[in-house]
Protein backbone atom coordinates (compact mmCIF):
# COMPACT_ATOMS: atom_id res chain seq x y z
CA UNK A 1 -48.59 9.35 -88.57
CA UNK A 2 -46.27 7.38 -90.81
CA UNK A 3 -45.52 3.73 -90.12
CA UNK A 4 -41.94 4.68 -89.27
CA UNK A 5 -43.10 7.03 -86.51
CA UNK A 6 -45.58 4.61 -84.97
CA UNK A 7 -44.23 3.20 -81.77
CA UNK A 8 -43.66 -0.51 -81.42
CA UNK A 9 -45.29 -2.21 -78.47
CA UNK A 10 -45.28 -5.64 -76.95
CA UNK A 11 -48.85 -6.90 -77.06
CA UNK A 12 -50.04 -7.12 -73.46
CA UNK A 13 -51.03 -10.69 -72.64
CA UNK A 14 -54.49 -9.52 -71.52
CA UNK A 15 -55.43 -7.27 -74.46
CA UNK A 16 -57.61 -9.01 -77.02
CA UNK A 17 -58.77 -7.86 -80.45
CA UNK A 18 -62.14 -7.08 -78.83
CA UNK A 19 -60.53 -4.55 -76.48
CA UNK A 20 -58.87 -2.66 -79.31
CA UNK A 21 -61.82 -2.81 -81.68
CA UNK A 22 -64.23 -1.81 -78.91
CA UNK A 23 -62.14 1.30 -78.32
CA UNK A 24 -62.19 2.10 -82.04
CA UNK A 25 -65.97 1.59 -82.21
CA UNK A 26 -66.59 3.89 -79.24
CA UNK A 27 -64.35 6.59 -80.68
CA UNK A 28 -66.13 6.29 -84.02
CA UNK A 29 -69.54 6.57 -82.30
CA UNK A 30 -68.29 9.65 -80.45
CA UNK A 31 -67.49 11.38 -83.74
CA UNK A 32 -63.90 10.20 -84.02
CA UNK A 33 -62.44 11.84 -80.95
CA UNK A 34 -62.97 12.04 -77.21
CA UNK A 35 -61.30 13.78 -74.28
CA UNK A 36 -58.86 11.31 -72.74
CA UNK A 37 -60.40 11.88 -69.30
CA UNK A 38 -63.68 10.37 -70.48
CA UNK A 39 -62.43 7.44 -72.51
CA UNK A 40 -62.86 4.95 -69.66
CA UNK A 41 -66.47 5.99 -69.07
CA UNK A 42 -67.28 5.83 -72.77
CA UNK A 43 -65.62 2.48 -73.36
CA UNK A 44 -66.80 0.79 -70.13
CA UNK A 45 -63.44 -0.94 -70.01
CA UNK A 46 -61.46 -2.13 -67.03
CA UNK A 47 -59.15 0.70 -65.98
CA UNK A 48 -56.21 -1.73 -66.00
CA UNK A 49 -56.88 -2.83 -69.59
CA UNK A 50 -57.78 0.51 -71.20
CA UNK A 51 -54.31 2.15 -71.25
CA UNK A 52 -52.85 -1.03 -72.74
CA UNK A 53 -55.60 -1.20 -75.38
CA UNK A 54 -54.89 2.44 -76.27
CA UNK A 55 -51.16 1.66 -76.66
CA UNK A 56 -51.92 -1.26 -78.99
CA UNK A 57 -54.42 0.84 -80.98
CA UNK A 58 -51.75 3.55 -81.34
CA UNK A 59 -49.12 1.02 -82.46
CA UNK A 60 -51.58 -0.32 -85.04
CA UNK A 61 -52.12 3.24 -86.26
CA UNK A 62 -55.82 3.27 -85.36
CA UNK A 63 -55.77 6.11 -82.83
CA UNK A 64 -53.53 8.96 -81.81
CA UNK A 65 -53.34 11.23 -78.80
CA UNK A 66 -53.52 14.93 -79.53
CA UNK A 67 -53.92 17.81 -77.04
CA UNK A 68 -55.45 15.59 -74.37
CA UNK A 69 -57.82 13.94 -76.80
CA UNK A 70 -57.83 10.48 -78.24
CA UNK A 71 -58.61 10.65 -81.95
CA UNK A 72 -59.22 8.07 -84.66
CA UNK A 73 -56.78 8.10 -87.55
CA UNK A 74 -57.89 7.59 -91.14
CA UNK A 75 -57.05 3.90 -90.73
CA UNK A 76 -59.06 3.81 -87.50
CA UNK A 77 -62.10 5.26 -89.29
CA UNK A 78 -61.73 2.71 -92.10
CA UNK A 79 -61.49 -0.12 -89.56
CA UNK A 80 -64.58 1.14 -87.69
CA UNK A 81 -66.62 1.13 -90.91
CA UNK A 82 -65.27 -2.06 -92.44
CA UNK A 83 -66.69 -5.55 -92.72
CA UNK A 84 -64.78 -8.38 -90.97
CA UNK A 85 -62.82 -9.43 -94.08
CA UNK A 86 -61.73 -5.87 -94.87
CA UNK A 87 -60.91 -5.22 -91.22
CA UNK A 88 -58.46 -8.11 -91.17
CA UNK A 89 -56.84 -6.95 -94.40
CA UNK A 90 -56.48 -3.40 -93.03
CA UNK A 91 -54.90 -4.55 -89.77
CA UNK A 92 -52.48 -7.05 -91.34
CA UNK A 93 -50.40 -4.19 -92.70
CA UNK A 94 -50.01 -2.60 -89.28
CA UNK A 95 -49.12 -5.70 -87.28
CA UNK A 96 -45.35 -5.23 -87.69
CA UNK A 97 -45.48 -2.64 -84.88
CA UNK A 98 -46.90 -5.14 -82.38
CA UNK A 99 -44.55 -7.77 -80.98
CA UNK A 100 -44.33 -10.72 -80.91
CA UNK A 101 -46.93 -10.78 -83.71
CA UNK A 102 -44.53 -8.99 -86.07
CA UNK A 103 -41.65 -11.37 -85.32
CA UNK A 104 -43.81 -14.50 -85.62
CA UNK A 105 -45.38 -13.33 -88.87
CA UNK A 106 -41.96 -12.43 -90.31
CA UNK A 107 -40.63 -15.90 -89.52
CA UNK A 108 -43.74 -17.57 -90.92
CA UNK A 109 -43.54 -15.57 -94.15
CA UNK A 110 -40.04 -16.98 -94.63
CA UNK A 111 -40.71 -20.57 -93.60
CA UNK A 112 -44.54 -21.05 -93.85
CA UNK A 113 -44.56 -22.94 -90.54
CA UNK A 114 -42.71 -23.14 -87.23
CA UNK A 115 -42.77 -25.70 -84.46
CA UNK A 116 -44.76 -25.04 -81.31
CA UNK A 117 -41.42 -25.13 -79.45
CA UNK A 118 -40.08 -22.29 -81.64
CA UNK A 119 -43.33 -20.38 -81.11
CA UNK A 120 -43.05 -20.82 -77.33
CA UNK A 121 -39.40 -19.65 -77.40
CA UNK A 122 -40.47 -16.43 -79.10
CA UNK A 123 -43.29 -15.98 -76.59
CA UNK A 124 -40.92 -16.63 -73.66
CA UNK A 125 -38.60 -13.90 -74.95
CA UNK A 126 -41.41 -11.31 -74.69
CA UNK A 127 -43.29 -12.75 -71.71
CA UNK A 128 -40.85 -14.45 -69.33
CA UNK A 129 -42.80 -16.55 -66.88
CA UNK A 130 -46.13 -15.97 -68.61
CA UNK A 131 -45.94 -18.20 -71.66
CA UNK A 132 -49.27 -20.02 -71.29
CA UNK A 133 -51.57 -17.00 -71.07
CA UNK A 134 -49.55 -15.04 -73.62
CA UNK A 135 -49.46 -17.96 -76.08
CA UNK A 136 -53.24 -18.24 -76.01
CA UNK A 137 -53.66 -14.52 -76.61
CA UNK A 138 -51.12 -14.45 -79.45
CA UNK A 139 -52.90 -17.40 -81.09
CA UNK A 140 -56.22 -15.54 -80.71
CA UNK A 141 -54.75 -12.49 -82.44
CA UNK A 142 -53.16 -14.64 -85.16
CA UNK A 143 -56.43 -16.45 -85.87
CA UNK A 144 -58.55 -13.29 -85.62
CA UNK A 145 -56.37 -11.46 -88.14
CA UNK A 146 -56.19 -14.58 -90.29
CA UNK A 147 -52.37 -14.57 -90.07
CA UNK A 148 -51.48 -17.91 -88.53
CA UNK A 149 -52.94 -20.81 -86.60
CA UNK A 150 -51.89 -23.92 -84.75
CA UNK A 151 -52.34 -27.22 -86.57
CA UNK A 152 -54.82 -29.82 -85.32
CA UNK A 153 -52.02 -31.85 -83.68
CA UNK A 154 -50.81 -28.81 -81.66
CA UNK A 155 -47.30 -29.32 -83.06
CA UNK A 156 -46.85 -26.49 -85.56
CA UNK A 157 -47.95 -22.95 -86.24
CA UNK A 158 -48.86 -22.39 -89.89
CA UNK A 159 -49.07 -19.24 -91.97
CA UNK A 160 -52.60 -18.73 -93.25
């Protein structure tokens, strides 16, 4: 699947890197593919979280659905076998398909830092009424992928 054909998604406020990577690990352990009906049993994930984690994994280009099966892509296999540093490098290239991470990263690449107010405005655009929870999750993703982080004064978000 080319990056142009990958669907863009808004990162659900309750899907963490652990959810997506857990899915990838389980698929890798199952030989790289599993019948969609059995994914929930294999992953031991909350039924409300799993479909969202699958959507994010698809947007990142880690998995694809094919004939009722969920299958790891080449990138997904590389991620499953990689060390933490390589994993972050592999995922950085795919983050443009996951909003608001793509928008925030694009802005930070231009300016190197943004105010927390600007960050919150972007979050509000994607998560009206849910800024607090979503902000925390977006910061977790940014730090996990070594993309951006909040400064020690909680005033600015900096490109890493």
